[in-house]
Amino acid sequence: MSKQRLSKALAGAGVASRRACEELIFSGVVKVNGSIVKVPQTLVDLKIDLITVHDQPVQQTEAKVYYLLNKPTGFICSSRGNSQSKLVLDLFKDEGHRLFTVGRLDKDTSGLLIVTNDGHFANEVIHPSANIQKEYLVKTDQEVSHDHLIAIGHGTLVEGTFVKPIRVQKVRRGTIKIVIGEGKKREVRLLLDAAGLKVESLARIRVGGLQLGALPVGSWRPLTEKEKELIFSK
């Protein structure tokens, strides 16, 4: 294997997405031949160099796996937690690969989550240039009026950036479907809050053309090749 950037090598070895690998490098937990390296562009060769993350050796590229999970509420999308934390990856503890989530859903959000060990694939899914839509089912604390829908559609500020949903649709009395683009942290909750609505439950039901379907909460299954392609369709 020829030399490649450290961040790319880590992603290819299934450590995390390219972006997350860069964050690991910046944080100082990645070593190359015993020395901390904080430059993602550092050239390495997995066949020659000893690379560790949190002092755990990084192996050469393993077989790639891709899973669809219906995430339960109460679980966090992190590789590390404390004794009180319930990790999404705990649901895969007997799977046998070093996995990570593709993007994140917050602790109180359930629904469609992709889990893999393929960093390149994850980077393609989460990169803004992919323009992949995400659809959520939201239950609120009151009946959703036409004015509420208009207010949500007008958008709001999230992390200093003005965002607007792609589509908002009332499903029944207090339930709506909302489609967003790239997705900022807590974007859906902030959009409803700006419209005067409190979120009682929030579930992601679609990523690109991939639907969650009838998969039970807390269950996961492998993605088919066709489903992987659907992610990148509108």
C-alpha atoms as a PDB file:
ATOM      1  CA  MET A   1       0.000   0.000   0.000  1.00  0.00           C
ATOM      2  CA  SER A   2       1.430   3.395  -0.959  1.00  0.00           C
ATOM      3  CA  LYS A   3       1.593   6.217   1.536  1.00  0.00           C
ATOM      4  CA  GLN A   4      -1.611   8.159   2.148  1.00  0.00           C
ATOM      5  CA  ARG A   5      -2.822  10.894   4.426  1.00  0.00           C
ATOM      6  CA  LEU A   6      -3.193   9.863   8.060  1.00  0.00           C
ATOM      7  CA  SER A   7      -6.860  10.894   8.198  1.00  0.00           C
ATOM      8  CA  LYS A   8      -7.611   8.875   5.059  1.00  0.00           C
ATOM      9  CA  ALA A   9      -5.717   5.846   6.375  1.00  0.00           C
ATOM     10  CA  LEU A  10      -7.648   5.924   9.652  1.00  0.00           C
ATOM     11  CA  ALA A  11     -10.974   6.242   7.847  1.00  0.00           C
ATOM     12  CA  GLY A  12     -10.066   3.405   5.483  1.00  0.00           C
ATOM     13  CA  ALA A  13      -9.194   1.211   8.454  1.00  0.00           C
ATOM     14  CA  GLY A  14     -12.654   1.772   9.898  1.00  0.00           C
ATOM     15  CA  VAL A  15     -11.700   4.028  12.797  1.00  0.00           C
ATOM     16  CA  ALA A  16     -14.344   6.673  12.006  1.00  0.00           C
ATOM     17  CA  SER A  17     -15.495   8.994   9.234  1.00  0.00           C
ATOM     18  CA  ARG A  18     -12.806  11.183   7.645  1.00  0.00           C
ATOM     19  CA  ARG A  19     -14.044  14.250   9.515  1.00  0.00           C
ATOM     20  CA  ALA A  20     -14.160  12.412  12.843  1.00  0.00           C
ATOM     21  CA  CYS A  21     -10.659  11.016  12.213  1.00  0.00           C
ATOM     22  CA  GLU A  22      -9.375  14.556  11.724  1.00  0.00           C
ATOM     23  CA  GLU A  23     -10.926  15.527  15.066  1.00  0.00           C
ATOM     24  CA  LEU A  24      -9.199  12.565  16.738  1.00  0.00           C
ATOM     25  CA  ILE A  25      -5.885  13.663  15.233  1.00  0.00           C
ATOM     26  CA  PHE A  26      -6.337  17.275  16.353  1.00  0.00           C
ATOM     27  CA  SER A  27      -7.174  16.086  19.882  1.00  0.00           C
ATOM     28  CA  GLY A  28      -3.785  14.376  20.222  1.00  0.00           C
ATOM     29  CA  VAL A  29      -4.921  10.772  20.708  1.00  0.00           C
ATOM     30  CA  VAL A  30      -3.339   9.479  17.470  1.00  0.00           C
ATOM     31  CA  LYS A  31       0.275   8.324  17.452  1.00  0.00           C
ATOM     32  CA  VAL A  32       2.469   7.283  14.541  1.00  0.00           C
ATOM     33  CA  ASN A  33       5.418   5.097  15.556  1.00  0.00           C
ATOM     34  CA  GLY A  34       5.028   6.201  19.164  1.00  0.00           C
ATOM     35  CA  SER A  35       4.821   9.946  18.543  1.00  0.00           C
ATOM     36  CA  ILE A  36       1.666  12.068  18.739  1.00  0.00           C
ATOM     37  CA  VAL A  37       0.753  13.474  15.344  1.00  0.00           C
ATOM     38  CA  LYS A  38      -1.713  16.351  15.025  1.00  0.00           C
ATOM     39  CA  VAL A  39      -1.494  16.910  11.269  1.00  0.00           C
ATOM     40  CA  PRO A  40      -4.120  14.952   9.264  1.00  0.00           C
ATOM     41  CA  GLN A  41      -2.071  15.373   6.062  1.00  0.00           C
ATOM     42  CA  THR A  42       0.871  13.394   7.487  1.00  0.00           C
ATOM     43  CA  LEU A  43       1.741  10.604   5.039  1.00  0.00           C
ATOM     44  CA  VAL A  44       1.691   7.086   6.465  1.00  0.00           C
ATOM     45  CA  ASP A  45       1.707   3.470   5.322  1.00  0.00           C
ATOM     46  CA  LEU A  46      -0.322   0.996   7.385  1.00  0.00           C
ATOM     47  CA  LYS A  47       2.001  -1.819   6.297  1.00  0.00           C
ATOM     48  CA  ILE A  48       5.059  -0.061   7.689  1.00  0.00           C
ATOM     49  CA  ASP A  49       3.983   2.485  10.305  1.00  0.00           C
ATOM     50  CA  LEU A  50       2.571   1.628  13.729  1.00  0.00           C
ATOM     51  CA  ILE A  51      -0.501   3.809  14.161  1.00  0.00           C
ATOM     52  CA  THR A  52      -2.483   3.876  17.395  1.00  0.00           C
ATOM     53  CA  VAL A  53      -5.672   5.627  18.517  1.00  0.00           C
ATOM     54  CA  HIS A  54      -6.065   5.912  22.285  1.00  0.00           C
ATOM     55  CA  ASP A  55      -2.966   3.647  22.348  1.00  0.00           C
ATOM     56  CA  GLN A  56      -4.881   0.891  20.527  1.00  0.00           C
ATOM     57  CA  PRO A  57      -3.204  -0.315  17.293  1.00  0.00           C
ATOM     58  CA  VAL A  58      -5.005   0.388  14.049  1.00  0.00           C
ATOM     59  CA  GLN A  59      -5.240  -2.682  11.834  1.00  0.00           C
ATOM     60  CA  GLN A  60      -5.148  -2.763   8.070  1.00  0.00           C
ATOM     61  CA  THR A  61      -8.412  -2.431   6.200  1.00  0.00           C
ATOM     62  CA  GLU A  62     -11.027  -4.979   7.307  1.00  0.00           C
ATOM     63  CA  ALA A  63     -14.129  -6.166   5.523  1.00  0.00           C
ATOM     64  CA  LYS A  64     -16.672  -3.370   5.258  1.00  0.00           C
ATOM     65  CA  VAL A  65     -20.079  -3.715   6.890  1.00  0.00           C
ATOM     66  CA  TYR A  66     -23.141  -1.464   6.717  1.00  0.00           C
ATOM     67  CA  TYR A  67     -26.121  -1.569   9.062  1.00  0.00           C
ATOM     68  CA  LEU A  68     -29.491   0.137   9.381  1.00  0.00           C
ATOM     69  CA  LEU A  69     -30.504   0.758  12.999  1.00  0.00           C
ATOM     70  CA  ASN A  70     -33.756   2.032  14.462  1.00  0.00           C
ATOM     71  CA  LYS A  71     -32.133   3.977  17.289  1.00  0.00           C
ATOM     72  CA  PRO A  72     -33.993   4.053  20.606  1.00  0.00           C
ATOM     73  CA  THR A  73     -34.181   7.234  22.656  1.00  0.00           C
ATOM     74  CA  GLY A  74     -31.777   7.421  25.590  1.00  0.00           C
ATOM     75  CA  PHE A  75     -28.738   6.267  23.578  1.00  0.00           C
ATOM     76  CA  ILE A  76     -25.894   8.559  22.497  1.00  0.00           C
ATOM     77  CA  CYS A  77     -23.916   8.446  19.244  1.00  0.00           C
ATOM     78  CA  SER A  78     -20.421   8.328  20.692  1.00  0.00           C
ATOM     79  CA  SER A  79     -17.657   5.778  20.910  1.00  0.00           C
ATOM     80  CA  ARG A  80     -16.995   6.654  24.551  1.00  0.00           C
ATOM     81  CA  GLY A  81     -19.252   7.491  27.453  1.00  0.00           C
ATOM     82  CA  ASN A  82     -19.403   7.274  31.226  1.00  0.00           C
ATOM     83  CA  SER A  83     -20.956   4.690  33.511  1.00  0.00           C
ATOM     84  CA  GLN A  84     -24.357   6.369  33.155  1.00  0.00           C
ATOM     85  CA  SER A  85     -24.255   6.577  29.340  1.00  0.00           C
ATOM     86  CA  LYS A  86     -25.978   4.154  27.019  1.00  0.00           C
ATOM     87  CA  LEU A  87     -24.085   4.025  23.726  1.00  0.00           C
ATOM     88  CA  VAL A  88     -25.596   3.180  20.343  1.00  0.00           C
ATOM     89  CA  LEU A  89     -22.579   0.947  19.748  1.00  0.00           C
ATOM     90  CA  ASP A  90     -23.515  -1.124  22.816  1.00  0.00           C
ATOM     91  CA  LEU A  91     -26.366  -2.485  20.682  1.00  0.00           C
ATOM     92  CA  PHE A  92     -23.676  -3.990  18.403  1.00  0.00           C
ATOM     93  CA  LYS A  93     -21.339  -5.329  21.108  1.00  0.00           C
ATOM     94  CA  ASP A  94     -21.359  -8.882  19.738  1.00  0.00           C
ATOM     95  CA  GLU A  95     -21.040  -7.847  16.078  1.00  0.00           C
ATOM     96  CA  GLY A  96     -17.242  -8.177  15.951  1.00  0.00           C
ATOM     97  CA  HIS A  97     -16.175  -5.057  14.018  1.00  0.00           C
ATOM     98  CA  ARG A  98     -15.039  -1.654  15.236  1.00  0.00           C
ATOM     99  CA  LEU A  99     -18.086   0.380  14.254  1.00  0.00           C
ATOM    100  CA  PHE A 100     -19.195   4.004  14.337  1.00  0.00           C
ATOM    101  CA  THR A 101     -22.333   5.916  13.481  1.00  0.00           C
ATOM    102  CA  VAL A 102     -22.695   7.865  10.244  1.00  0.00           C
ATOM    103  CA  GLY A 103     -23.574  11.268  11.637  1.00  0.00           C
ATOM    104  CA  ARG A 104     -25.486  11.593  14.870  1.00  0.00           C
ATOM    105  CA  LEU A 105     -28.927  11.645  16.408  1.00  0.00           C
ATOM    106  CA  ASP A 106     -29.173  13.278  19.821  1.00  0.00           C
ATOM    107  CA  LYS A 107     -30.034  11.319  22.945  1.00  0.00           C
ATOM    108  CA  ASP A 108     -33.746  12.143  22.800  1.00  0.00           C
ATOM    109  CA  THR A 109     -34.158  11.428  19.077  1.00  0.00           C
ATOM    110  CA  SER A 110     -34.965   7.976  17.714  1.00  0.00           C
ATOM    111  CA  GLY A 111     -35.068   6.487  14.242  1.00  0.00           C
ATOM    112  CA  LEU A 112     -32.940   5.790  11.217  1.00  0.00           C
ATOM    113  CA  LEU A 113     -29.217   5.630  11.887  1.00  0.00           C
ATOM    114  CA  ILE A 114     -26.540   4.104   9.671  1.00  0.00           C
ATOM    115  CA  VAL A 115     -23.713   2.250  11.410  1.00  0.00           C
ATOM    116  CA  THR A 116     -20.585   1.080   9.593  1.00  0.00           C
ATOM    117  CA  ASN A 117     -16.818   0.598   9.713  1.00  0.00           C
ATOM    118  CA  ASP A 118     -16.302   2.277   6.319  1.00  0.00           C
ATOM    119  CA  GLY A 119     -14.924   5.768   6.875  1.00  0.00           C
ATOM    120  CA  HIS A 120     -14.913   6.724   3.194  1.00  0.00           C
ATOM    121  CA  PHE A 121     -18.567   5.774   2.804  1.00  0.00           C
ATOM    122  CA  ALA A 122     -19.480   7.689   5.967  1.00  0.00           C
ATOM    123  CA  ASN A 123     -17.676  10.767   4.695  1.00  0.00           C
ATOM    124  CA  GLU A 124     -19.599  10.622   1.417  1.00  0.00           C
ATOM    125  CA  VAL A 125     -22.918  10.442   3.276  1.00  0.00           C
ATOM    126  CA  ILE A 126     -22.299  13.279   5.737  1.00  0.00           C
ATOM    127  CA  HIS A 127     -20.413  15.676   3.443  1.00  0.00           C
ATOM    128  CA  PRO A 128     -22.579  18.740   2.643  1.00  0.00           C
ATOM    129  CA  SER A 129     -21.865  18.377  -1.095  1.00  0.00           C
ATOM    130  CA  ALA A 130     -23.913  15.160  -1.132  1.00  0.00           C
ATOM    131  CA  ASN A 131     -27.099  17.211  -0.507  1.00  0.00           C
ATOM    132  CA  ILE A 132     -28.779  14.250   1.175  1.00  0.00           C
ATOM    133  CA  GLN A 133     -32.202  15.025   2.612  1.00  0.00           C
ATOM    134  CA  LYS A 134     -33.335  13.801   6.032  1.00  0.00           C
ATOM    135  CA  GLU A 135     -36.983  13.372   6.951  1.00  0.00           C
ATOM    136  CA  TYR A 136     -38.335  13.411  10.516  1.00  0.00           C
ATOM    137  CA  LEU A 137     -41.642  12.556  12.135  1.00  0.00           C
ATOM    138  CA  VAL A 138     -42.407  15.013  14.934  1.00  0.00           C
ATOM    139  CA  LYS A 139     -45.095  14.800  17.592  1.00  0.00           C
ATOM    140  CA  THR A 140     -45.839  18.109  19.318  1.00  0.00           C
ATOM    141  CA  ASP A 141     -47.599  19.235  22.481  1.00  0.00           C
ATOM    142  CA  GLN A 142     -50.584  20.818  20.702  1.00  0.00           C
ATOM    143  CA  GLU A 143     -52.522  20.844  17.462  1.00  0.00           C
ATOM    144  CA  VAL A 144     -50.416  22.159  14.590  1.00  0.00           C
ATOM    145  CA  SER A 145     -52.109  25.095  12.870  1.00  0.00           C
ATOM    146  CA  HIS A 146     -51.559  26.580   9.427  1.00  0.00           C
ATOM    147  CA  ASP A 147     -49.741  29.472  11.103  1.00  0.00           C
ATOM    148  CA  HIS A 148     -47.396  27.017  12.799  1.00  0.00           C
ATOM    149  CA  LEU A 149     -46.552  25.432   9.444  1.00  0.00           C
ATOM    150  CA  ILE A 150     -45.891  28.859   7.932  1.00  0.00           C
ATOM    151  CA  ALA A 151     -43.638  29.813  10.852  1.00  0.00           C
ATOM    152  CA  ILE A 152     -41.649  26.568  10.618  1.00  0.00           C
ATOM    153  CA  GLY A 153     -41.276  27.057   6.868  1.00  0.00           C
ATOM    154  CA  HIS A 154     -39.869  30.561   7.382  1.00  0.00           C
ATOM    155  CA  GLY A 155     -36.851  29.047   9.162  1.00  0.00           C
ATOM    156  CA  THR A 156     -34.711  30.192  12.091  1.00  0.00           C
ATOM    157  CA  LEU A 157     -31.130  30.747  13.215  1.00  0.00           C
ATOM    158  CA  VAL A 158     -29.175  27.607  14.158  1.00  0.00           C
ATOM    159  CA  GLU A 159     -25.563  27.969  15.325  1.00  0.00           C
ATOM    160  CA  GLY A 160     -25.418  31.431  13.763  1.00  0.00           C
ATOM    161  CA  THR A 161     -26.708  30.230  10.381  1.00  0.00           C
ATOM    162  CA  PHE A 162     -30.210  30.868   9.040  1.00  0.00           C
ATOM    163  CA  VAL A 163     -31.820  27.574   8.015  1.00  0.00           C
ATOM    164  CA  LYS A 164     -35.127  26.695   6.375  1.00  0.00           C
ATOM    165  CA  PRO A 165     -36.690  23.249   6.016  1.00  0.00           C
ATOM    166  CA  ILE A 166     -37.132  21.818   2.539  1.00  0.00           C
ATOM    167  CA  ARG A 167     -40.689  20.710   3.274  1.00  0.00           C
ATOM    168  CA  VAL A 168     -43.164  20.695   6.170  1.00  0.00           C
ATOM    169  CA  GLN A 169     -46.349  18.609   6.132  1.00  0.00           C
ATOM    170  CA  LYS A 170     -49.061  18.105   8.728  1.00  0.00           C
ATOM    171  CA  VAL A 171     -49.845  14.412   9.175  1.00  0.00           C
ATOM    172  CA  ARG A 172     -52.542  14.623  11.849  1.00  0.00           C
ATOM    173  CA  ARG A 173     -53.588  16.835  14.752  1.00  0.00           C
ATOM    174  CA  GLY A 174     -50.270  17.265  16.554  1.00  0.00           C
ATOM    175  CA  THR A 175     -47.904  15.438  14.182  1.00  0.00           C
ATOM    176  CA  ILE A 176     -45.868  16.724  11.252  1.00  0.00           C
ATOM    177  CA  LYS A 177     -43.248  15.484   8.835  1.00  0.00           C
ATOM    178  CA  ILE A 178     -40.325  17.803   8.203  1.00  0.00           C
ATOM    179  CA  VAL A 179     -37.560  17.446   5.609  1.00  0.00           C
ATOM    180  CA  ILE A 180     -34.219  19.191   6.073  1.00  0.00           C
ATOM    181  CA  GLY A 181     -30.968  19.336   4.139  1.00  0.00           C
ATOM    182  CA  GLU A 182     -27.507  19.137   5.681  1.00  0.00           C
ATOM    183  CA  GLY A 183     -28.868  19.305   9.221  1.00  0.00           C
ATOM    184  CA  LYS A 184     -27.466  21.447  12.021  1.00  0.00           C
ATOM    185  CA  LYS A 185     -27.362  20.332  15.642  1.00  0.00           C
ATOM    186  CA  ARG A 186     -30.920  20.239  17.059  1.00  0.00           C
ATOM    187  CA  GLU A 187     -32.190  21.929  13.884  1.00  0.00           C
ATOM    188  CA  VAL A 188     -35.645  20.339  13.879  1.00  0.00           C
ATOM    189  CA  ARG A 189     -36.224  21.088  17.553  1.00  0.00           C
ATOM    190  CA  LEU A 190     -35.137  24.710  17.104  1.00  0.00           C
ATOM    191  CA  LEU A 191     -37.359  25.163  14.051  1.00  0.00           C
ATOM    192  CA  LEU A 192     -40.402  24.039  16.056  1.00  0.00           C
ATOM    193  CA  ASP A 193     -39.373  26.028  19.097  1.00  0.00           C
ATOM    194  CA  ALA A 194     -39.211  29.170  16.963  1.00  0.00           C
ATOM    195  CA  ALA A 195     -42.782  28.439  15.835  1.00  0.00           C
ATOM    196  CA  GLY A 196     -43.984  28.092  19.430  1.00  0.00           C
ATOM    197  CA  LEU A 197     -44.230  24.302  19.436  1.00  0.00           C
ATOM    198  CA  LYS A 198     -42.708  21.891  21.928  1.00  0.00           C
ATOM    199  CA  VAL A 199     -41.363  18.585  20.601  1.00  0.00           C
ATOM    200  CA  GLU A 200     -42.727  15.595  22.498  1.00  0.00           C
ATOM    201  CA  SER A 201     -41.068  12.966  20.289  1.00  0.00           C
ATOM    202  CA  LEU A 202     -38.771  13.110  17.275  1.00  0.00           C
ATOM    203  CA  ALA A 203     -37.825  10.258  14.954  1.00  0.00           C
ATOM    204  CA  ARG A 204     -35.825  10.236  11.735  1.00  0.00           C
ATOM    205  CA  ILE A 205     -37.637   8.137   9.152  1.00  0.00           C
ATOM    206  CA  ARG A 206     -35.661   8.721   5.943  1.00  0.00           C
ATOM    207  CA  VAL A 207     -32.122   9.505   4.768  1.00  0.00           C
ATOM    208  CA  GLY A 208     -31.953  10.256   1.054  1.00  0.00           C
ATOM    209  CA  GLY A 209     -34.077   7.569  -0.575  1.00  0.00           C
ATOM    210  CA  LEU A 210     -33.554   5.098   2.286  1.00  0.00           C
ATOM    211  CA  GLN A 211     -36.670   4.585   4.418  1.00  0.00           C
ATOM    212  CA  LEU A 212     -36.651   3.276   7.996  1.00  0.00           C
ATOM    213  CA  GLY A 213     -39.714   1.143   7.319  1.00  0.00           C
ATOM    214  CA  ALA A 214     -41.038  -1.290   9.928  1.00  0.00           C
ATOM    215  CA  LEU A 215     -37.729  -2.113  11.636  1.00  0.00           C
ATOM    216  CA  PRO A 216     -38.497  -2.378  15.386  1.00  0.00           C
ATOM    217  CA  VAL A 217     -36.970   0.174  17.762  1.00  0.00           C
ATOM    218  CA  GLY A 218     -33.586  -1.045  18.974  1.00  0.00           C
ATOM    219  CA  SER A 219     -33.192  -3.522  16.116  1.00  0.00           C
ATOM    220  CA  TRP A 220     -30.663  -3.429  13.284  1.00  0.00           C
ATOM    221  CA  ARG A 221     -29.995  -5.292  10.069  1.00  0.00           C
ATOM    222  CA  PRO A 222     -27.462  -5.206   7.196  1.00  0.00           C
ATOM    223  CA  LEU A 223     -28.039  -2.753   4.369  1.00  0.00           C
ATOM    224  CA  THR A 224     -28.354  -4.176   0.866  1.00  0.00           C
ATOM    225  CA  GLU A 225     -26.292  -2.738  -1.985  1.00  0.00           C
ATOM    226  CA  LYS A 226     -29.464  -1.219  -3.425  1.00  0.00           C
ATOM    227  CA  GLU A 227     -30.256   0.452  -0.098  1.00  0.00           C
ATOM    228  CA  LYS A 228     -26.749   1.919   0.054  1.00  0.00           C
ATOM    229  CA  GLU A 229     -27.364   3.459  -3.353  1.00  0.00           C
ATOM    230  CA  LEU A 230     -30.778   4.746  -2.246  1.00  0.00           C
ATOM    231  CA  ILE A 231     -29.102   6.892   0.394  1.00  0.00           C
ATOM    232  CA  PHE A 232     -27.689   9.090  -2.356  1.00  0.00           C
ATOM    233  CA  SER A 233     -30.977   9.409  -4.238  1.00  0.00           C
ATOM    234  CA  LYS A 234     -33.575  12.094  -3.528  1.00  0.00           C
END
